[in-house]
PDB file of N, CA and C in Angstrom:
ATOM      1  N   MET A   1     -15.946 -57.490 111.966  1.00  0.00           N
ATOM      2  CA  MET A   1     -17.089 -58.428 112.695  1.00  0.00           C
ATOM      3  C   MET A   1     -19.043 -58.037 111.800  1.00  0.00           C
ATOM      4  N   ALA A   2     -19.210 -58.869 111.740  1.00  0.00           N
ATOM      5  CA  ALA A   2     -20.524 -59.045 111.348  1.00  0.00           C
ATOM      6  C   ALA A   2     -21.556 -58.214 112.134  1.00  0.00           C
ATOM      7  N   ALA A   3     -22.050 -57.739 111.322  1.00  0.00           N
ATOM      8  CA  ALA A   3     -23.196 -56.662 112.208  1.00  0.00           C
ATOM      9  C   ALA A   3     -24.446 -57.778 112.479  1.00  0.00           C
ATOM     10  N   ALA A   4     -24.983 -57.187 114.043  1.00  0.00           N
ATOM     11  CA  ALA A   4     -26.384 -58.254 114.025  1.00  0.00           C
ATOM     12  C   ALA A   4     -27.217 -58.377 112.933  1.00  0.00           C
ATOM     13  N   LEU A   5     -27.922 -59.337 112.116  1.00  0.00           N
ATOM     14  CA  LEU A   5     -28.598 -59.047 111.039  1.00  0.00           C
ATOM     15  C   LEU A   5     -29.812 -59.238 111.999  1.00  0.00           C
ATOM     16  N   THR A   6     -30.612 -58.474 111.282  1.00  0.00           N
ATOM     17  CA  THR A   6     -32.826 -58.906 111.947  1.00  0.00           C
ATOM     18  C   THR A   6     -33.702 -59.902 110.589  1.00  0.00           C
ATOM     19  N   THR A   7     -34.400 -60.252 110.640  1.00  0.00           N
ATOM     20  CA  THR A   7     -35.147 -60.758 109.702  1.00  0.00           C
ATOM     21  C   THR A   7     -36.441 -60.263 109.739  1.00  0.00           C
ATOM     22  N   PRO A   8     -36.935 -59.842 108.604  1.00  0.00           N
ATOM     23  CA  PRO A   8     -36.902 -60.465 107.074  1.00  0.00           C
ATOM     24  C   PRO A   8     -35.334 -59.455 106.649  1.00  0.00           C
ATOM     25  N   ILE A   9     -34.605 -60.206 105.718  1.00  0.00           N
ATOM     26  CA  ILE A   9     -33.496 -59.681 104.931  1.00  0.00           C
ATOM     27  C   ILE A   9     -33.740 -58.687 103.937  1.00  0.00           C
ATOM     28  N   GLY A  10     -32.935 -57.399 103.964  1.00  0.00           N
ATOM     29  CA  GLY A  10     -33.951 -56.221 103.131  1.00  0.00           C
ATOM     30  C   GLY A  10     -32.837 -55.946 102.323  1.00  0.00           C
ATOM     31  N   ALA A  11     -33.393 -55.013 101.652  1.00  0.00           N
ATOM     32  CA  ALA A  11     -32.468 -54.687 100.040  1.00  0.00           C
ATOM     33  C   ALA A  11     -31.209 -53.890 100.874  1.00  0.00           C
ATOM     34  N   GLU A  12     -30.938 -53.133 102.083  1.00  0.00           N
ATOM     35  CA  GLU A  12     -29.664 -52.778 102.719  1.00  0.00           C
ATOM     36  C   GLU A  12     -28.584 -53.807 103.362  1.00  0.00           C
ATOM     37  N   THR A  13     -29.132 -55.152 103.265  1.00  0.00           N
ATOM     38  CA  THR A  13     -27.984 -56.026 103.973  1.00  0.00           C
ATOM     39  C   THR A  13     -27.481 -56.091 103.002  1.00  0.00           C
ATOM     40  N   ILE A  14     -26.240 -55.665 104.130  1.00  0.00           N
ATOM     41  CA  ILE A  14     -24.127 -55.951 103.623  1.00  0.00           C
ATOM     42  C   ILE A  14     -23.746 -57.498 103.325  1.00  0.00           C
ATOM     43  N   LEU A  15     -23.604 -58.070 102.134  1.00  0.00           N
ATOM     44  CA  LEU A  15     -23.715 -59.287 101.523  1.00  0.00           C
ATOM     45  C   LEU A  15     -22.733 -60.079 102.939  1.00  0.00           C
ATOM     46  N   ASP A  16     -21.311 -59.615 103.131  1.00  0.00           N
ATOM     47  CA  ASP A  16     -20.486 -60.334 103.831  1.00  0.00           C
ATOM     48  C   ASP A  16     -20.663 -60.680 105.507  1.00  0.00           C
ATOM     49  N   ASP A  17     -22.131 -59.759 105.823  1.00  0.00           N
ATOM     50  CA  ASP A  17     -22.834 -60.020 106.954  1.00  0.00           C
ATOM     51  C   ASP A  17     -23.625 -60.943 106.537  1.00  0.00           C
ATOM     52  N   LEU A  18     -24.490 -61.001 105.406  1.00  0.00           N
ATOM     53  CA  LEU A  18     -25.492 -61.772 105.279  1.00  0.00           C
ATOM     54  C   LEU A  18     -24.889 -63.447 105.050  1.00  0.00           C
ATOM     55  N   MET A  19     -24.276 -63.670 104.050  1.00  0.00           N
ATOM     56  CA  MET A  19     -23.533 -65.068 103.852  1.00  0.00           C
ATOM     57  C   MET A  19     -22.789 -64.932 105.427  1.00  0.00           C
ATOM     58  N   ALA A  20     -22.403 -64.312 105.945  1.00  0.00           N
ATOM     59  CA  ALA A  20     -21.574 -64.868 107.088  1.00  0.00           C
ATOM     60  C   ALA A  20     -22.178 -65.301 108.172  1.00  0.00           C
ATOM     61  N   THR A  21     -23.162 -64.583 108.115  1.00  0.00           N
ATOM     62  CA  THR A  21     -24.782 -65.455 109.601  1.00  0.00           C
ATOM     63  C   THR A  21     -25.013 -66.180 109.036  1.00  0.00           C
ATOM     64  N   HIS A  22     -25.860 -66.662 107.871  1.00  0.00           N
ATOM     65  CA  HIS A  22     -27.101 -67.348 107.471  1.00  0.00           C
ATOM     66  C   HIS A  22     -25.703 -67.704 105.877  1.00  0.00           C
ATOM     67  N   LYS A  23     -25.448 -68.679 106.475  1.00  0.00           N
ATOM     68  CA  LYS A  23     -24.672 -69.729 105.178  1.00  0.00           C
ATOM     69  C   LYS A  23     -25.343 -70.360 103.918  1.00  0.00           C
ATOM     70  N   VAL A  24     -26.856 -70.887 104.410  1.00  0.00           N
ATOM     71  CA  VAL A  24     -27.339 -71.296 103.497  1.00  0.00           C
ATOM     72  C   VAL A  24     -28.010 -70.179 102.803  1.00  0.00           C
ATOM     73  N   THR A  25     -27.721 -69.383 102.471  1.00  0.00           N
ATOM     74  CA  THR A  25     -28.265 -68.345 101.578  1.00  0.00           C
ATOM     75  C   THR A  25     -26.806 -68.263  99.980  1.00  0.00           C
ATOM     76  N   ILE A  26     -25.938 -68.902 100.499  1.00  0.00           N
ATOM     77  CA  ILE A  26     -24.856 -68.769  99.651  1.00  0.00           C
ATOM     78  C   ILE A  26     -24.979 -69.475  98.451  1.00  0.00           C
ATOM     79  N   PRO A  27     -25.960 -70.894  98.390  1.00  0.00           N
ATOM     80  CA  PRO A  27     -26.072 -71.596  97.008  1.00  0.00           C
ATOM     81  C   PRO A  27     -27.231 -70.145  96.113  1.00  0.00           C
ATOM     82  N   LEU A  28     -28.032 -69.522  96.998  1.00  0.00           N
ATOM     83  CA  LEU A  28     -28.878 -68.594  95.898  1.00  0.00           C
ATOM     84  C   LEU A  28     -28.184 -67.752  94.927  1.00  0.00           C
ATOM     85  N   PHE A  29     -27.228 -67.611  95.642  1.00  0.00           N
ATOM     86  CA  PHE A  29     -25.734 -66.856  94.811  1.00  0.00           C
ATOM     87  C   PHE A  29     -25.496 -67.257  93.547  1.00  0.00           C
ATOM     88  N   ILE A  30     -25.528 -68.444  93.880  1.00  0.00           N
ATOM     89  CA  ILE A  30     -24.341 -69.001  93.089  1.00  0.00           C
ATOM     90  C   ILE A  30     -25.040 -69.710  91.641  1.00  0.00           C
ATOM     91  N   GLN A  31     -26.852 -69.887  92.310  1.00  0.00           N
ATOM     92  CA  GLN A  31     -27.508 -70.682  91.304  1.00  0.00           C
ATOM     93  C   GLN A  31     -27.882 -68.946  90.221  1.00  0.00           C
ATOM     94  N   ARG A  32     -27.450 -67.677  90.712  1.00  0.00           N
ATOM     95  CA  ARG A  32     -27.775 -66.707  89.807  1.00  0.00           C
ATOM     96  C   ARG A  32     -26.837 -66.521  89.302  1.00  0.00           C
ATOM     97  N   LYS A  33     -25.520 -67.164  89.573  1.00  0.00           N
ATOM     98  CA  LYS A  33     -24.177 -66.397  88.508  1.00  0.00           C
ATOM     99  C   LYS A  33     -24.430 -65.458  89.717  1.00  0.00           C
ATOM    100  N   MET A  34     -24.235 -64.969  90.306  1.00  0.00           N
ATOM    101  CA  MET A  34     -23.673 -63.683  91.248  1.00  0.00           C
ATOM    102  C   MET A  34     -22.494 -64.592  92.531  1.00  0.00           C
ATOM    103  N   MET A  35     -20.862 -63.827  91.712  1.00  0.00           N
ATOM    104  CA  MET A  35     -20.376 -64.118  92.372  1.00  0.00           C
ATOM    105  C   MET A  35     -19.719 -63.596  93.596  1.00  0.00           C
ATOM    106  N   CYS A  36     -20.409 -63.701  94.309  1.00  0.00           N
ATOM    107  CA  CYS A  36     -20.087 -62.638  95.679  1.00  0.00           C
ATOM    108  C   CYS A  36     -19.458 -62.946  96.632  1.00  0.00           C
ATOM    109  N   ILE A  37     -19.415 -64.111  96.118  1.00  0.00           N
ATOM    110  CA  ILE A  37     -19.161 -65.021  97.741  1.00  0.00           C
ATOM    111  C   ILE A  37     -17.200 -64.608  97.782  1.00  0.00           C
ATOM    112  N   GLY A  38     -16.764 -64.356  98.163  1.00  0.00           N
ATOM    113  CA  GLY A  38     -15.448 -64.082  98.451  1.00  0.00           C
ATOM    114  C   GLY A  38     -15.168 -62.224  97.609  1.00  0.00           C
ATOM    115  N   CYS A  39     -15.939 -62.100  97.425  1.00  0.00           N
ATOM    116  CA  CYS A  39     -15.807 -60.801  96.467  1.00  0.00           C
ATOM    117  C   CYS A  39     -15.119 -59.810  97.185  1.00  0.00           C
ATOM    118  N   PRO A  40     -14.162 -58.755  96.563  1.00  0.00           N
ATOM    119  CA  PRO A  40     -13.304 -57.932  97.492  1.00  0.00           C
ATOM    120  C   PRO A  40     -14.519 -56.537  98.118  1.00  0.00           C
ATOM    121  N   ILE A  41     -15.705 -56.293  97.262  1.00  0.00           N
ATOM    122  CA  ILE A  41     -16.421 -55.687  97.878  1.00  0.00           C
ATOM    123  C   ILE A  41     -17.714 -56.109  98.705  1.00  0.00           C
ATOM    124  N   ALA A  42     -17.955 -57.115  99.031  1.00  0.00           N
ATOM    125  CA  ALA A  42     -18.753 -57.661  99.763  1.00  0.00           C
ATOM    126  C   ALA A  42     -19.198 -56.979 100.696  1.00  0.00           C
ATOM    127  N   HIS A  43     -18.079 -56.486 101.762  1.00  0.00           N
ATOM    128  CA  HIS A  43     -18.088 -55.621 102.929  1.00  0.00           C
ATOM    129  C   HIS A  43     -18.757 -54.351 102.851  1.00  0.00           C
ATOM    130  N   ILE A  44     -18.671 -54.003 101.493  1.00  0.00           N
ATOM    131  CA  ILE A  44     -19.680 -52.817 101.858  1.00  0.00           C
ATOM    132  C   ILE A  44     -21.205 -52.687 100.632  1.00  0.00           C
ATOM    133  N   HIS A  45     -20.959 -54.095  99.932  1.00  0.00           N
ATOM    134  CA  HIS A  45     -21.853 -53.849  99.021  1.00  0.00           C
ATOM    135  C   HIS A  45     -23.363 -54.673  99.447  1.00  0.00           C
ATOM    136  N   ASP A  46     -24.567 -53.765  99.452  1.00  0.00           N
ATOM    137  CA  ASP A  46     -25.348 -54.707  99.550  1.00  0.00           C
ATOM    138  C   ASP A  46     -26.197 -55.405  98.804  1.00  0.00           C
ATOM    139  N   VAL A  47     -27.626 -56.257  99.697  1.00  0.00           N
ATOM    140  CA  VAL A  47     -28.247 -57.036  98.596  1.00  0.00           C
ATOM    141  C   VAL A  47     -28.650 -56.192  96.863  1.00  0.00           C
ATOM    142  N   ARG A  48     -29.291 -54.688  97.421  1.00  0.00           N
ATOM    143  CA  ARG A  48     -29.929 -54.209  96.065  1.00  0.00           C
ATOM    144  C   ARG A  48     -28.733 -53.823  95.691  1.00  0.00           C
ATOM    145  N   GLN A  49     -27.382 -53.716  95.628  1.00  0.00           N
ATOM    146  CA  GLN A  49     -26.504 -53.031  94.857  1.00  0.00           C
ATOM    147  C   GLN A  49     -26.023 -54.427  94.291  1.00  0.00           C
ATOM    148  N   ALA A  50     -26.131 -55.240  94.417  1.00  0.00           N
ATOM    149  CA  ALA A  50     -25.653 -57.140  93.808  1.00  0.00           C
ATOM    150  C   ALA A  50     -26.575 -57.236  93.136  1.00  0.00           C
ATOM    151  N   CYS A  51     -28.052 -57.130  93.299  1.00  0.00           N
ATOM    152  CA  CYS A  51     -28.745 -57.428  91.874  1.00  0.00           C
ATOM    153  C   CYS A  51     -28.862 -56.568  91.110  1.00  0.00           C
ATOM    154  N   VAL A  52     -28.435 -55.131  91.304  1.00  0.00           N
ATOM    155  CA  VAL A  52     -28.664 -54.182  90.395  1.00  0.00           C
ATOM    156  C   VAL A  52     -27.179 -54.411  89.531  1.00  0.00           C
ATOM    157  N   GLU A  53     -25.883 -54.895  89.753  1.00  0.00           N
ATOM    158  CA  GLU A  53     -24.704 -55.564  89.073  1.00  0.00           C
ATOM    159  C   GLU A  53     -24.733 -56.531  88.412  1.00  0.00           C
ATOM    160  N   HIS A  54     -26.086 -57.110  88.700  1.00  0.00           N
ATOM    161  CA  HIS A  54     -25.784 -59.043  88.686  1.00  0.00           C
ATOM    162  C   HIS A  54     -26.986 -58.961  87.142  1.00  0.00           C
ATOM    163  N   GLY A  55     -27.864 -58.101  87.502  1.00  0.00           N
ATOM    164  CA  GLY A  55     -29.074 -57.819  86.854  1.00  0.00           C
ATOM    165  C   GLY A  55     -30.569 -59.005  87.180  1.00  0.00           C
ATOM    166  N   VAL A  56     -30.522 -58.978  88.645  1.00  0.00           N
ATOM    167  CA  VAL A  56     -31.277 -60.414  89.094  1.00  0.00           C
ATOM    168  C   VAL A  56     -32.507 -58.919  89.864  1.00  0.00           C
ATOM    169  N   PRO A  57     -33.762 -59.701  89.607  1.00  0.00           N
ATOM    170  CA  PRO A  57     -34.376 -58.972  89.919  1.00  0.00           C
ATOM    171  C   PRO A  57     -34.808 -58.926  91.719  1.00  0.00           C
ATOM    172  N   LEU A  58     -34.917 -57.724  92.624  1.00  0.00           N
ATOM    173  CA  LEU A  58     -34.621 -57.488  93.653  1.00  0.00           C
ATOM    174  C   LEU A  58     -35.558 -58.597  94.815  1.00  0.00           C
ATOM    175  N   SER A  59     -37.099 -57.901  94.203  1.00  0.00           N
ATOM    176  CA  SER A  59     -37.756 -58.944  95.364  1.00  0.00           C
ATOM    177  C   SER A  59     -37.900 -60.017  95.079  1.00  0.00           C
ATOM    178  N   PRO A  60     -38.002 -60.530  94.339  1.00  0.00           N
ATOM    179  CA  PRO A  60     -38.068 -62.379  94.482  1.00  0.00           C
ATOM    180  C   PRO A  60     -36.658 -62.826  94.437  1.00  0.00           C
ATOM    181  N   PHE A  61     -35.735 -61.936  94.706  1.00  0.00           N
ATOM    182  CA  PHE A  61     -34.344 -62.905  95.034  1.00  0.00           C
ATOM    183  C   PHE A  61     -34.499 -62.380  96.901  1.00  0.00           C
ATOM    184  N   LEU A  62     -34.876 -61.110  97.149  1.00  0.00           N
ATOM    185  CA  LEU A  62     -35.262 -60.993  98.664  1.00  0.00           C
ATOM    186  C   LEU A  62     -36.174 -62.180  99.600  1.00  0.00           C
ATOM    187  N   ALA A  63     -37.101 -62.341  98.627  1.00  0.00           N
ATOM    188  CA  ALA A  63     -38.505 -63.410  98.919  1.00  0.00           C
ATOM    189  C   ALA A  63     -37.315 -64.783  99.300  1.00  0.00           C
ATOM    190  N   ASP A  64     -36.452 -65.283  98.149  1.00  0.00           N
ATOM    191  CA  ASP A  64     -35.849 -66.573  98.464  1.00  0.00           C
ATOM    192  C   ASP A  64     -34.852 -66.139  99.419  1.00  0.00           C
ATOM    193  N   LEU A  65     -34.101 -65.623  99.683  1.00  0.00           N
ATOM    194  CA  LEU A  65     -33.128 -65.426 101.028  1.00  0.00           C
ATOM    195  C   LEU A  65     -34.104 -65.507 101.933  1.00  0.00           C
ATOM    196  N   ASN A  66     -34.963 -64.615 102.347  1.00  0.00           N
ATOM    197  CA  ASN A  66     -35.624 -64.968 103.547  1.00  0.00           C
ATOM    198  C   ASN A  66     -36.233 -66.498 103.838  1.00  0.00           C
ATOM    199  N   ARG A  67     -37.088 -66.709 102.724  1.00  0.00           N
ATOM    200  CA  ARG A  67     -37.573 -68.328 102.565  1.00  0.00           C
ATOM    201  C   ARG A  67     -36.409 -69.438 103.534  1.00  0.00           C
ATOM    202  N   VAL A  68     -35.306 -69.166 102.329  1.00  0.00           N
ATOM    203  CA  VAL A  68     -34.000 -70.048 102.971  1.00  0.00           C
ATOM    204  C   VAL A  68     -33.624 -69.760 104.254  1.00  0.00           C
ATOM    205  N   ILE A  69     -33.822 -68.584 104.550  1.00  0.00           N
ATOM    206  CA  ILE A  69     -33.179 -68.502 105.922  1.00  0.00           C
ATOM    207  C   ILE A  69     -34.293 -69.534 107.224  1.00  0.00           C
ATOM    208  N   GLU A  70     -35.704 -68.636 106.691  1.00  0.00           N
ATOM    209  CA  GLU A  70     -36.706 -68.904 107.172  1.00  0.00           C
ATOM    210  C   GLU A  70     -36.500 -70.834 107.699  1.00  0.00           C
ATOM    211  N   ARG A  71     -36.634 -71.346 106.199  1.00  0.00           N
ATOM    212  CA  ARG A  71     -36.274 -72.790 106.488  1.00  0.00           C
ATOM    213  C   ARG A  71     -35.478 -73.363 107.081  1.00  0.00           C
ATOM    214  N   ASP A  72     -33.977 -72.942 107.566  1.00  0.00           N
ATOM    215  CA  ASP A  72     -33.123 -73.058 107.527  1.00  0.00           C
ATOM    216  C   ASP A  72     -32.745 -73.294 109.398  1.00  0.00           C
ATOM    217  N   GLY A  73     -33.917 -72.142 109.964  1.00  0.00           N
ATOM    218  CA  GLY A  73     -33.917 -72.269 111.250  1.00  0.00           C
ATOM    219  C   GLY A  73     -35.348 -73.147 111.819  1.00  0.00           C
ATOM    220  N   GLN A  74     -36.087 -73.811 111.721  1.00  0.00           N
ATOM    221  CA  GLN A  74     -36.698 -74.643 111.602  1.00  0.00           C
ATOM    222  C   GLN A  74     -36.386 -75.634 111.610  1.00  0.00           C
ATOM    223  N   LYS A  75     -35.496 -76.437 111.621  1.00  0.00           N
ATOM    224  CA  LYS A  75     -34.846 -77.261 111.392  1.00  0.00           C
ATOM    225  C   LYS A  75     -34.298 -77.622 112.796  1.00  0.00           C
TER     226      LYS A  75
END
């Protein structure tokens, strides 16, 4: 069961919770070749760990995640 998420999304946000709650973020992972979707450890991996694993700068990625979530909420 996904934990309740608050925004802004932070480095400690669990990937499964993030993508289940905010499906609009999935393309951002794909664009960066972060194949976290369906990963067997996504239920325990957080955004920071995924960025380190895939060599993606954390701060810009968090900004992008929060931007698409905010934009989606304005629809």
